Amino acid sequence: MKSRYKELVERDNMRKSDVERKALFHIIAGNAELYKHVDDIYNFDDHTIKLNVFKKAWMTSGSRGLLKLAFNLYNGSQKNSTYESFVYLDKASTFLALEAITIRFVR
């Protein structure tokens, strides 16, 4: 997880103070499916998220919930309830989501 996160941060040339991207990359790096499809999710050239990713066939309800939360932590897009964010997450994904929330708002 740490090496995947570090790779995303370096690839983006992210500022250390950018808590929005830290939370986004934490979720992507911590989920194998999202990490596998990172180029469907994030444009490293423009430093932007790709909102059309939710139409991709590889999306599962769990990866969709995590990614909606990640996008919401990033810039407030993908308005969804707490229930929608967590209902399909397994235990590991729930902890990943809670860590990302902490990164975004507590650190």
PDB file of N, CA and C in Angstrom:
ATOM      1  N   MET A   1       0.829  -1.199   0.000  1.00  0.00           N
ATOM      2  CA  MET A   1       0.000   0.000   0.000  1.00  0.00           C
ATOM      3  C   MET A   1       0.868   1.255   0.000  1.00  0.00           C
ATOM      4  N   LYS A   2       1.878   1.313   0.881  1.00  0.00           N
ATOM      5  CA  LYS A   2       2.713   2.508   0.968  1.00  0.00           C
ATOM      6  C   LYS A   2       3.460   2.775  -0.328  1.00  0.00           C
ATOM      7  N   SER A   3       3.947   1.726  -0.975  1.00  0.00           N
ATOM      8  CA  SER A   3       4.679   1.938  -2.230  1.00  0.00           C
ATOM      9  C   SER A   3       3.731   2.387  -3.349  1.00  0.00           C
ATOM     10  N   ARG A   4       2.508   1.872  -3.350  1.00  0.00           N
ATOM     11  CA  ARG A   4       1.532   2.312  -4.364  1.00  0.00           C
ATOM     12  C   ARG A   4       1.154   3.771  -4.132  1.00  0.00           C
ATOM     13  N   TYR A   5       0.940   4.137  -2.875  1.00  0.00           N
ATOM     14  CA  TYR A   5       0.619   5.524  -2.544  1.00  0.00           C
ATOM     15  C   TYR A   5       1.770   6.442  -2.965  1.00  0.00           C
ATOM     16  N   LYS A   6       2.976   6.064  -2.625  1.00  0.00           N
ATOM     17  CA  LYS A   6       4.152   6.869  -2.973  1.00  0.00           C
ATOM     18  C   LYS A   6       4.273   7.031  -4.487  1.00  0.00           C
ATOM     19  N   GLU A   7       3.990   5.966  -5.217  1.00  0.00           N
ATOM     20  CA  GLU A   7       4.056   6.021  -6.688  1.00  0.00           C
ATOM     21  C   GLU A   7       3.038   7.012  -7.237  1.00  0.00           C
ATOM     22  N   LEU A   8       1.823   7.022  -6.693  1.00  0.00           N
ATOM     23  CA  LEU A   8       0.790   7.951  -7.157  1.00  0.00           C
ATOM     24  C   LEU A   8       1.170   9.394  -6.846  1.00  0.00           C
ATOM     25  N   VAL A   9       1.675   9.620  -5.649  1.00  0.00           N
ATOM     26  CA  VAL A   9       2.093  10.966  -5.240  1.00  0.00           C
ATOM     27  C   VAL A   9       3.213  11.473  -6.143  1.00  0.00           C
ATOM     28  N   GLU A  10       4.187  10.634  -6.408  1.00  0.00           N
ATOM     29  CA  GLU A  10       5.304  11.035  -7.267  1.00  0.00           C
ATOM     30  C   GLU A  10       4.850  11.242  -8.707  1.00  0.00           C
ATOM     31  N   ARG A  11       3.978  10.376  -9.175  1.00  0.00           N
ATOM     32  CA  ARG A  11       3.474  10.495 -10.544  1.00  0.00           C
ATOM     33  C   ARG A  11       2.721  11.806 -10.749  1.00  0.00           C
ATOM     34  N   ASP A  12       2.036  12.248  -9.719  1.00  0.00           N
ATOM     35  CA  ASP A  12       1.258  13.477  -9.793  1.00  0.00           C
ATOM     36  C   ASP A  12       2.092  14.710  -9.460  1.00  0.00           C
ATOM     37  N   ASN A  13       3.237  14.513  -8.833  1.00  0.00           N
ATOM     38  CA  ASN A  13       4.065  15.625  -8.353  1.00  0.00           C
ATOM     39  C   ASN A  13       3.258  16.486  -7.378  1.00  0.00           C
ATOM     40  N   MET A  14       2.576  15.803  -6.490  1.00  0.00           N
ATOM     41  CA  MET A  14       1.653  16.419  -5.553  1.00  0.00           C
ATOM     42  C   MET A  14       2.389  17.222  -4.478  1.00  0.00           C
ATOM     43  N   ARG A  15       1.813  18.356  -4.105  1.00  0.00           N
ATOM     44  CA  ARG A  15       2.339  19.143  -2.988  1.00  0.00           C
ATOM     45  C   ARG A  15       2.076  18.399  -1.677  1.00  0.00           C
ATOM     46  N   LYS A  16       2.971  18.509  -0.749  1.00  0.00           N
ATOM     47  CA  LYS A  16       2.828  17.822   0.539  1.00  0.00           C
ATOM     48  C   LYS A  16       1.620  18.310   1.333  1.00  0.00           C
ATOM     49  N   SER A  17       1.194  19.528   1.108  1.00  0.00           N
ATOM     50  CA  SER A  17       0.070  20.099   1.852  1.00  0.00           C
ATOM     51  C   SER A  17      -1.295  19.781   1.240  1.00  0.00           C
ATOM     52  N   ASP A  18      -1.338  19.056   0.155  1.00  0.00           N
ATOM     53  CA  ASP A  18      -2.574  18.783  -0.585  1.00  0.00           C
ATOM     54  C   ASP A  18      -3.339  17.615   0.050  1.00  0.00           C
ATOM     55  N   VAL A  19      -4.124  17.918   1.085  1.00  0.00           N
ATOM     56  CA  VAL A  19      -4.839  16.863   1.800  1.00  0.00           C
ATOM     57  C   VAL A  19      -5.954  16.242   0.963  1.00  0.00           C
ATOM     58  N   GLU A  20      -6.478  16.978  -0.003  1.00  0.00           N
ATOM     59  CA  GLU A  20      -7.524  16.429  -0.869  1.00  0.00           C
ATOM     60  C   GLU A  20      -6.974  15.277  -1.706  1.00  0.00           C
ATOM     61  N   ARG A  21      -5.827  15.489  -2.336  1.00  0.00           N
ATOM     62  CA  ARG A  21      -5.230  14.424  -3.135  1.00  0.00           C
ATOM     63  C   ARG A  21      -4.668  13.312  -2.260  1.00  0.00           C
ATOM     64  N   LYS A  22      -4.175  13.650  -1.089  1.00  0.00           N
ATOM     65  CA  LYS A  22      -3.704  12.612  -0.168  1.00  0.00           C
ATOM     66  C   LYS A  22      -4.827  11.628   0.129  1.00  0.00           C
ATOM     67  N   ALA A  23      -6.014  12.131   0.430  1.00  0.00           N
ATOM     68  CA  ALA A  23      -7.157  11.263   0.719  1.00  0.00           C
ATOM     69  C   ALA A  23      -7.549  10.449  -0.511  1.00  0.00           C
ATOM     70  N   LEU A  24      -7.594  11.098  -1.667  1.00  0.00           N
ATOM     71  CA  LEU A  24      -7.924  10.413  -2.917  1.00  0.00           C
ATOM     72  C   LEU A  24      -6.935   9.296  -3.204  1.00  0.00           C
ATOM     73  N   PHE A  25      -5.645   9.608  -3.170  1.00  0.00           N
ATOM     74  CA  PHE A  25      -4.621   8.616  -3.474  1.00  0.00           C
ATOM     75  C   PHE A  25      -4.543   7.520  -2.413  1.00  0.00           C
ATOM     76  N   HIS A  26      -4.874   7.841  -1.174  1.00  0.00           N
ATOM     77  CA  HIS A  26      -4.895   6.837  -0.114  1.00  0.00           C
ATOM     78  C   HIS A  26      -5.930   5.762  -0.435  1.00  0.00           C
ATOM     79  N   ILE A  27      -7.098   6.184  -0.851  1.00  0.00           N
ATOM     80  CA  ILE A  27      -8.146   5.225  -1.197  1.00  0.00           C
ATOM     81  C   ILE A  27      -7.769   4.429  -2.440  1.00  0.00           C
ATOM     82  N   ILE A  28      -7.277   5.083  -3.461  1.00  0.00           N
ATOM     83  CA  ILE A  28      -6.902   4.373  -4.690  1.00  0.00           C
ATOM     84  C   ILE A  28      -5.790   3.375  -4.416  1.00  0.00           C
ATOM     85  N   ALA A  29      -4.765   3.802  -3.692  1.00  0.00           N
ATOM     86  CA  ALA A  29      -3.629   2.918  -3.404  1.00  0.00           C
ATOM     87  C   ALA A  29      -4.024   1.752  -2.508  1.00  0.00           C
ATOM     88  N   GLY A  30      -4.998   1.962  -1.652  1.00  0.00           N
ATOM     89  CA  GLY A  30      -5.391   0.937  -0.698  1.00  0.00           C
ATOM     90  C   GLY A  30      -6.362  -0.091  -1.224  1.00  0.00           C
ATOM     91  N   ASN A  31      -6.864   0.100  -2.417  1.00  0.00           N
ATOM     92  CA  ASN A  31      -7.811  -0.837  -3.021  1.00  0.00           C
ATOM     93  C   ASN A  31      -7.221  -1.361  -4.328  1.00  0.00           C
ATOM     94  N   ALA A  32      -6.982  -2.643  -4.407  1.00  0.00           N
ATOM     95  CA  ALA A  32      -6.309  -3.236  -5.567  1.00  0.00           C
ATOM     96  C   ALA A  32      -7.047  -2.961  -6.877  1.00  0.00           C
ATOM     97  N   GLU A  33      -8.366  -3.035  -6.850  1.00  0.00           N
ATOM     98  CA  GLU A  33      -9.150  -2.810  -8.076  1.00  0.00           C
ATOM     99  C   GLU A  33      -9.034  -1.360  -8.547  1.00  0.00           C
ATOM    100  N   LEU A  34      -9.150  -0.422  -7.632  1.00  0.00           N
ATOM    101  CA  LEU A  34      -9.024   0.985  -8.003  1.00  0.00           C
ATOM    102  C   LEU A  34      -7.607   1.293  -8.477  1.00  0.00           C
ATOM    103  N   TYR A  35      -6.625   0.753  -7.795  1.00  0.00           N
ATOM    104  CA  TYR A  35      -5.234   0.994  -8.189  1.00  0.00           C
ATOM    105  C   TYR A  35      -4.965   0.435  -9.591  1.00  0.00           C
ATOM    106  N   LYS A  36      -5.495  -0.715  -9.870  1.00  0.00           N
ATOM    107  CA  LYS A  36      -5.331  -1.342 -11.196  1.00  0.00           C
ATOM    108  C   LYS A  36      -5.876  -0.440 -12.304  1.00  0.00           C
ATOM    109  N   HIS A  37      -6.899   0.323 -11.995  1.00  0.00           N
ATOM    110  CA  HIS A  37      -7.570   1.162 -12.997  1.00  0.00           C
ATOM    111  C   HIS A  37      -7.346   2.656 -12.749  1.00  0.00           C
ATOM    112  N   VAL A  38      -6.241   2.995 -12.113  1.00  0.00           N
ATOM    113  CA  VAL A  38      -5.982   4.389 -11.736  1.00  0.00           C
ATOM    114  C   VAL A  38      -6.034   5.334 -12.935  1.00  0.00           C
ATOM    115  N   ASP A  39      -5.617   4.882 -14.104  1.00  0.00           N
ATOM    116  CA  ASP A  39      -5.642   5.766 -15.270  1.00  0.00           C
ATOM    117  C   ASP A  39      -7.051   5.998 -15.803  1.00  0.00           C
ATOM    118  N   ASP A  40      -7.999   5.156 -15.418  1.00  0.00           N
ATOM    119  CA  ASP A  40      -9.418   5.406 -15.719  1.00  0.00           C
ATOM    120  C   ASP A  40     -10.006   6.419 -14.739  1.00  0.00           C
ATOM    121  N   ILE A  41      -9.354   6.571 -13.584  1.00  0.00           N
ATOM    122  CA  ILE A  41      -9.869   7.373 -12.482  1.00  0.00           C
ATOM    123  C   ILE A  41      -9.290   8.782 -12.454  1.00  0.00           C
ATOM    124  N   TYR A  42      -7.998   8.895 -12.761  1.00  0.00           N
ATOM    125  CA  TYR A  42      -7.288  10.160 -12.562  1.00  0.00           C
ATOM    126  C   TYR A  42      -6.405  10.465 -13.757  1.00  0.00           C
ATOM    127  N   ASN A  43      -6.426  11.735 -14.180  1.00  0.00           N
ATOM    128  CA  ASN A  43      -5.585  12.200 -15.277  1.00  0.00           C
ATOM    129  C   ASN A  43      -4.354  12.873 -14.674  1.00  0.00           C
ATOM    130  N   PHE A  44      -3.226  12.195 -14.750  1.00  0.00           N
ATOM    131  CA  PHE A  44      -1.998  12.707 -14.150  1.00  0.00           C
ATOM    132  C   PHE A  44      -1.409  13.883 -14.934  1.00  0.00           C
ATOM    133  N   ASP A  45      -1.763  14.023 -16.186  1.00  0.00           N
ATOM    134  CA  ASP A  45      -1.278  15.156 -16.976  1.00  0.00           C
ATOM    135  C   ASP A  45      -1.989  16.450 -16.578  1.00  0.00           C
ATOM    136  N   ASP A  46      -3.310  16.356 -16.400  1.00  0.00           N
ATOM    137  CA  ASP A  46      -4.122  17.526 -16.042  1.00  0.00           C
ATOM    138  C   ASP A  46      -4.342  17.664 -14.539  1.00  0.00           C
ATOM    139  N   HIS A  47      -3.987  16.619 -13.780  1.00  0.00           N
ATOM    140  CA  HIS A  47      -4.182  16.597 -12.326  1.00  0.00           C
ATOM    141  C   HIS A  47      -5.666  16.716 -11.969  1.00  0.00           C
ATOM    142  N   THR A  48      -6.488  15.923 -12.668  1.00  0.00           N
ATOM    143  CA  THR A  48      -7.932  15.973 -12.457  1.00  0.00           C
ATOM    144  C   THR A  48      -8.514  14.558 -12.362  1.00  0.00           C
ATOM    145  N   ILE A  49      -9.663  14.458 -11.691  1.00  0.00           N
ATOM    146  CA  ILE A  49     -10.382  13.202 -11.625  1.00  0.00           C
ATOM    147  C   ILE A  49     -11.229  13.053 -12.893  1.00  0.00           C
ATOM    148  N   LYS A  50     -11.549  11.815 -13.217  1.00  0.00           N
ATOM    149  CA  LYS A  50     -12.360  11.512 -14.402  1.00  0.00           C
ATOM    150  C   LYS A  50     -13.735  11.027 -13.931  1.00  0.00           C
ATOM    151  N   LEU A  51     -14.711  11.899 -14.043  1.00  0.00           N
ATOM    152  CA  LEU A  51     -16.046  11.592 -13.535  1.00  0.00           C
ATOM    153  C   LEU A  51     -16.759  10.498 -14.327  1.00  0.00           C
ATOM    154  N   ASN A  52     -16.330  10.255 -15.549  1.00  0.00           N
ATOM    155  CA  ASN A  52     -16.973   9.225 -16.374  1.00  0.00           C
ATOM    156  C   ASN A  52     -16.559   7.806 -15.973  1.00  0.00           C
ATOM    157  N   VAL A  53     -15.711   7.667 -14.989  1.00  0.00           N
ATOM    158  CA  VAL A  53     -15.224   6.357 -14.561  1.00  0.00           C
ATOM    159  C   VAL A  53     -16.356   5.466 -14.042  1.00  0.00           C
ATOM    160  N   PHE A  54     -17.414   6.048 -13.542  1.00  0.00           N
ATOM    161  CA  PHE A  54     -18.494   5.264 -12.952  1.00  0.00           C
ATOM    162  C   PHE A  54     -19.268   4.453 -13.986  1.00  0.00           C
ATOM    163  N   LYS A  55     -19.035   4.710 -15.258  1.00  0.00           N
ATOM    164  CA  LYS A  55     -19.685   3.955 -16.334  1.00  0.00           C
ATOM    165  C   LYS A  55     -18.863   2.741 -16.766  1.00  0.00           C
ATOM    166  N   LYS A  56     -17.675   2.571 -16.207  1.00  0.00           N
ATOM    167  CA  LYS A  56     -16.781   1.477 -16.599  1.00  0.00           C
ATOM    168  C   LYS A  56     -17.333   0.133 -16.126  1.00  0.00           C
ATOM    169  N   ALA A  57     -17.156  -0.888 -16.961  1.00  0.00           N
ATOM    170  CA  ALA A  57     -17.688  -2.220 -16.667  1.00  0.00           C
ATOM    171  C   ALA A  57     -17.023  -2.881 -15.462  1.00  0.00           C
ATOM    172  N   TRP A  58     -15.813  -2.508 -15.156  1.00  0.00           N
ATOM    173  CA  TRP A  58     -15.091  -3.148 -14.047  1.00  0.00           C
ATOM    174  C   TRP A  58     -15.552  -2.679 -12.664  1.00  0.00           C
ATOM    175  N   MET A  59     -16.338  -1.613 -12.621  1.00  0.00           N
ATOM    176  CA  MET A  59     -16.782  -1.067 -11.332  1.00  0.00           C
ATOM    177  C   MET A  59     -17.705  -2.044 -10.606  1.00  0.00           C
ATOM    178  N   THR A  60     -17.428  -2.262  -9.321  1.00  0.00           N
ATOM    179  CA  THR A  60     -18.308  -3.050  -8.464  1.00  0.00           C
ATOM    180  C   THR A  60     -18.995  -2.086  -7.496  1.00  0.00           C
ATOM    181  N   SER A  61     -19.952  -2.567  -6.769  1.00  0.00           N
ATOM    182  CA  SER A  61     -20.626  -1.689  -5.811  1.00  0.00           C
ATOM    183  C   SER A  61     -19.645  -1.215  -4.736  1.00  0.00           C
ATOM    184  N   GLY A  62     -18.716  -2.076  -4.328  1.00  0.00           N
ATOM    185  CA  GLY A  62     -17.724  -1.684  -3.328  1.00  0.00           C
ATOM    186  C   GLY A  62     -16.748  -0.651  -3.851  1.00  0.00           C
ATOM    187  N   SER A  63     -16.218  -0.879  -5.062  1.00  0.00           N
ATOM    188  CA  SER A  63     -15.269   0.095  -5.622  1.00  0.00           C
ATOM    189  C   SER A  63     -15.975   1.406  -5.943  1.00  0.00           C
ATOM    190  N   ARG A  64     -17.235   1.340  -6.346  1.00  0.00           N
ATOM    191  CA  ARG A  64     -18.011   2.548  -6.620  1.00  0.00           C
ATOM    192  C   ARG A  64     -18.204   3.366  -5.340  1.00  0.00           C
ATOM    193  N   GLY A  65     -18.537   2.705  -4.245  1.00  0.00           N
ATOM    194  CA  GLY A  65     -18.723   3.405  -2.979  1.00  0.00           C
ATOM    195  C   GLY A  65     -17.441   4.069  -2.502  1.00  0.00           C
ATOM    196  N   LEU A  66     -16.327   3.342  -2.586  1.00  0.00           N
ATOM    197  CA  LEU A  66     -15.041   3.914  -2.191  1.00  0.00           C
ATOM    198  C   LEU A  66     -14.667   5.095  -3.060  1.00  0.00           C
ATOM    199  N   LEU A  67     -14.864   4.947  -4.362  1.00  0.00           N
ATOM    200  CA  LEU A  67     -14.457   6.007  -5.281  1.00  0.00           C
ATOM    201  C   LEU A  67     -15.349   7.244  -5.143  1.00  0.00           C
ATOM    202  N   LYS A  68     -16.628   7.040  -4.913  1.00  0.00           N
ATOM    203  CA  LYS A  68     -17.503   8.195  -4.676  1.00  0.00           C
ATOM    204  C   LYS A  68     -17.057   8.958  -3.432  1.00  0.00           C
ATOM    205  N   LEU A  69     -16.691   8.219  -2.401  1.00  0.00           N
ATOM    206  CA  LEU A  69     -16.174   8.868  -1.200  1.00  0.00           C
ATOM    207  C   LEU A  69     -14.871   9.590  -1.505  1.00  0.00           C
ATOM    208  N   ALA A  70     -13.973   8.939  -2.247  1.00  0.00           N
ATOM    209  CA  ALA A  70     -12.688   9.561  -2.594  1.00  0.00           C
ATOM    210  C   ALA A  70     -12.891  10.845  -3.381  1.00  0.00           C
ATOM    211  N   PHE A  71     -13.801  10.841  -4.345  1.00  0.00           N
ATOM    212  CA  PHE A  71     -14.079  12.041  -5.134  1.00  0.00           C
ATOM    213  C   PHE A  71     -14.707  13.121  -4.265  1.00  0.00           C
ATOM    214  N   ASN A  72     -15.563  12.716  -3.328  1.00  0.00           N
ATOM    215  CA  ASN A  72     -16.173  13.686  -2.431  1.00  0.00           C
ATOM    216  C   ASN A  72     -15.129  14.322  -1.522  1.00  0.00           C
ATOM    217  N   LEU A  73     -14.199  13.530  -1.020  1.00  0.00           N
ATOM    218  CA  LEU A  73     -13.121  14.072  -0.196  1.00  0.00           C
ATOM    219  C   LEU A  73     -12.189  14.960  -1.013  1.00  0.00           C
ATOM    220  N   TYR A  74     -12.046  14.651  -2.287  1.00  0.00           N
ATOM    221  CA  TYR A  74     -11.162  15.406  -3.180  1.00  0.00           C
ATOM    222  C   TYR A  74     -11.711  16.800  -3.474  1.00  0.00           C
ATOM    223  N   ASN A  75     -12.971  16.867  -3.898  1.00  0.00           N
ATOM    224  CA  ASN A  75     -13.488  18.183  -4.286  1.00  0.00           C
ATOM    225  C   ASN A  75     -14.988  18.378  -4.053  1.00  0.00           C
ATOM    226  N   GLY A  76     -15.589  17.509  -3.292  1.00  0.00           N
ATOM    227  CA  GLY A  76     -17.000  17.669  -2.988  1.00  0.00           C
ATOM    228  C   GLY A  76     -17.928  17.133  -4.061  1.00  0.00           C
ATOM    229  N   SER A  77     -17.380  16.563  -5.125  1.00  0.00           N
ATOM    230  CA  SER A  77     -18.247  16.000  -6.161  1.00  0.00           C
ATOM    231  C   SER A  77     -18.804  14.661  -5.671  1.00  0.00           C
ATOM    232  N   GLN A  78     -19.720  14.125  -6.414  1.00  0.00           N
ATOM    233  CA  GLN A  78     -20.346  12.846  -6.085  1.00  0.00           C
ATOM    234  C   GLN A  78     -21.049  12.915  -4.739  1.00  0.00           C
ATOM    235  N   LYS A  79     -21.983  13.808  -4.661  1.00  0.00           N
ATOM    236  CA  LYS A  79     -22.765  13.935  -3.433  1.00  0.00           C
ATOM    237  C   LYS A  79     -23.447  12.599  -3.140  1.00  0.00           C
ATOM    238  N   ASN A  80     -23.159  12.057  -2.004  1.00  0.00           N
ATOM    239  CA  ASN A  80     -23.806  10.821  -1.585  1.00  0.00           C
ATOM    240  C   ASN A  80     -23.854  10.780  -0.066  1.00  0.00           C
ATOM    241  N   SER A  81     -24.761   9.986   0.429  1.00  0.00           N
ATOM    242  CA  SER A  81     -24.937   9.900   1.873  1.00  0.00           C
ATOM    243  C   SER A  81     -23.862   9.016   2.481  1.00  0.00           C
ATOM    244  N   THR A  82     -23.735   9.101   3.779  1.00  0.00           N
ATOM    245  CA  THR A  82     -22.821   8.220   4.497  1.00  0.00           C
ATOM    246  C   THR A  82     -23.204   6.769   4.231  1.00  0.00           C
ATOM    247  N   TYR A  83     -24.482   6.503   4.235  1.00  0.00           N
ATOM    248  CA  TYR A  83     -24.969   5.146   3.960  1.00  0.00           C
ATOM    249  C   TYR A  83     -24.483   4.663   2.599  1.00  0.00           C
ATOM    250  N   GLU A  84     -24.649   5.488   1.567  1.00  0.00           N
ATOM    251  CA  GLU A  84     -24.223   5.103   0.219  1.00  0.00           C
ATOM    252  C   GLU A  84     -22.718   4.860   0.152  1.00  0.00           C
ATOM    253  N   SER A  85     -21.953   5.609   0.926  1.00  0.00           N
ATOM    254  CA  SER A  85     -20.507   5.455   0.916  1.00  0.00           C
ATOM    255  C   SER A  85     -20.059   4.152   1.564  1.00  0.00           C
ATOM    256  N   PHE A  86     -20.781   3.700   2.579  1.00  0.00           N
ATOM    257  CA  PHE A  86     -20.295   2.579   3.383  1.00  0.00           C
ATOM    258  C   PHE A  86     -21.073   1.276   3.244  1.00  0.00           C
ATOM    259  N   VAL A  87     -22.264   1.291   2.691  1.00  0.00           N
ATOM    260  CA  VAL A  87     -23.134   0.120   2.720  1.00  0.00           C
ATOM    261  C   VAL A  87     -22.523  -1.124   2.060  1.00  0.00           C
ATOM    262  N   TYR A  88     -21.761  -0.983   0.995  1.00  0.00           N
ATOM    263  CA  TYR A  88     -21.228  -2.138   0.281  1.00  0.00           C
ATOM    264  C   TYR A  88     -19.761  -2.432   0.605  1.00  0.00           C
ATOM    265  N   LEU A  89     -19.205  -1.729   1.565  1.00  0.00           N
ATOM    266  CA  LEU A  89     -17.782  -1.903   1.873  1.00  0.00           C
ATOM    267  C   LEU A  89     -17.559  -3.062   2.830  1.00  0.00           C
ATOM    268  N   ASP A  90     -16.514  -3.838   2.558  1.00  0.00           N
ATOM    269  CA  ASP A  90     -16.114  -4.860   3.510  1.00  0.00           C
ATOM    270  C   ASP A  90     -15.319  -4.194   4.629  1.00  0.00           C
ATOM    271  N   LYS A  91     -14.887  -4.974   5.581  1.00  0.00           N
ATOM    272  CA  LYS A  91     -14.208  -4.428   6.758  1.00  0.00           C
ATOM    273  C   LYS A  91     -12.939  -3.660   6.378  1.00  0.00           C
ATOM    274  N   ALA A  92     -12.117  -4.235   5.508  1.00  0.00           N
ATOM    275  CA  ALA A  92     -10.868  -3.573   5.107  1.00  0.00           C
ATOM    276  C   ALA A  92     -11.145  -2.259   4.391  1.00  0.00           C
ATOM    277  N   SER A  93     -12.130  -2.243   3.516  1.00  0.00           N
ATOM    278  CA  SER A  93     -12.475  -1.019   2.786  1.00  0.00           C
ATOM    279  C   SER A  93     -13.064   0.038   3.714  1.00  0.00           C
ATOM    280  N   THR A  94     -13.800  -0.401   4.725  1.00  0.00           N
ATOM    281  CA  THR A  94     -14.347   0.547   5.697  1.00  0.00           C
ATOM    282  C   THR A  94     -13.221   1.250   6.446  1.00  0.00           C
ATOM    283  N   PHE A  95     -12.222   0.484   6.888  1.00  0.00           N
ATOM    284  CA  PHE A  95     -11.078   1.102   7.567  1.00  0.00           C
ATOM    285  C   PHE A  95     -10.314   2.030   6.628  1.00  0.00           C
ATOM    286  N   LEU A  96     -10.172   1.634   5.370  1.00  0.00           N
ATOM    287  CA  LEU A  96      -9.512   2.478   4.373  1.00  0.00           C
ATOM    288  C   LEU A  96     -10.256   3.802   4.224  1.00  0.00           C
ATOM    289  N   ALA A  97     -11.575   3.733   4.149  1.00  0.00           N
ATOM    290  CA  ALA A  97     -12.397   4.935   4.015  1.00  0.00           C
ATOM    291  C   ALA A  97     -12.260   5.839   5.237  1.00  0.00           C
ATOM    292  N   LEU A  98     -12.273   5.261   6.414  1.00  0.00           N
ATOM    293  CA  LEU A  98     -12.143   6.051   7.639  1.00  0.00           C
ATOM    294  C   LEU A  98     -10.763   6.706   7.742  1.00  0.00           C
ATOM    295  N   GLU A  99      -9.725   5.997   7.310  1.00  0.00           N
ATOM    296  CA  GLU A  99      -8.384   6.586   7.282  1.00  0.00           C
ATOM    297  C   GLU A  99      -8.333   7.777   6.329  1.00  0.00           C
ATOM    298  N   ALA A 100      -8.980   7.651   5.173  1.00  0.00           N
ATOM    299  CA  ALA A 100      -8.993   8.746   4.194  1.00  0.00           C
ATOM    300  C   ALA A 100      -9.728   9.966   4.745  1.00  0.00           C
ATOM    301  N   ILE A 101     -10.808   9.736   5.457  1.00  0.00           N
ATOM    302  CA  ILE A 101     -11.534  10.844   6.080  1.00  0.00           C
ATOM    303  C   ILE A 101     -10.636  11.536   7.099  1.00  0.00           C
ATOM    304  N   THR A 102      -9.905  10.767   7.864  1.00  0.00           N
ATOM    305  CA  THR A 102      -8.969  11.329   8.840  1.00  0.00           C
ATOM    306  C   THR A 102      -7.878  12.137   8.143  1.00  0.00           C
ATOM    307  N   ILE A 103      -7.335  11.615   7.069  1.00  0.00           N
ATOM    308  CA  ILE A 103      -6.299  12.338   6.310  1.00  0.00           C
ATOM    309  C   ILE A 103      -6.845  13.679   5.836  1.00  0.00           C
ATOM    310  N   ARG A 104      -8.047  13.672   5.333  1.00  0.00           N
ATOM    311  CA  ARG A 104      -8.635  14.876   4.753  1.00  0.00           C
ATOM    312  C   ARG A 104      -8.982  15.940   5.791  1.00  0.00           C
ATOM    313  N   PHE A 105      -9.513  15.511   6.934  1.00  0.00           N
ATOM    314  CA  PHE A 105     -10.061  16.497   7.864  1.00  0.00           C
ATOM    315  C   PHE A 105      -9.336  16.641   9.197  1.00  0.00           C
ATOM    316  N   VAL A 106      -8.515  15.683   9.571  1.00  0.00           N
ATOM    317  CA  VAL A 106      -7.888  15.740  10.891  1.00  0.00           C
ATOM    318  C   VAL A 106      -6.420  16.114  10.826  1.00  0.00           C
ATOM    319  N   ARG A 107      -5.708  15.645   9.850  1.00  0.00           N
ATOM    320  CA  ARG A 107      -4.259  15.886   9.787  1.00  0.00           C
ATOM    321  C   ARG A 107      -3.945  17.250   9.261  1.00  0.00           C
TER     322      ARG A 107
END
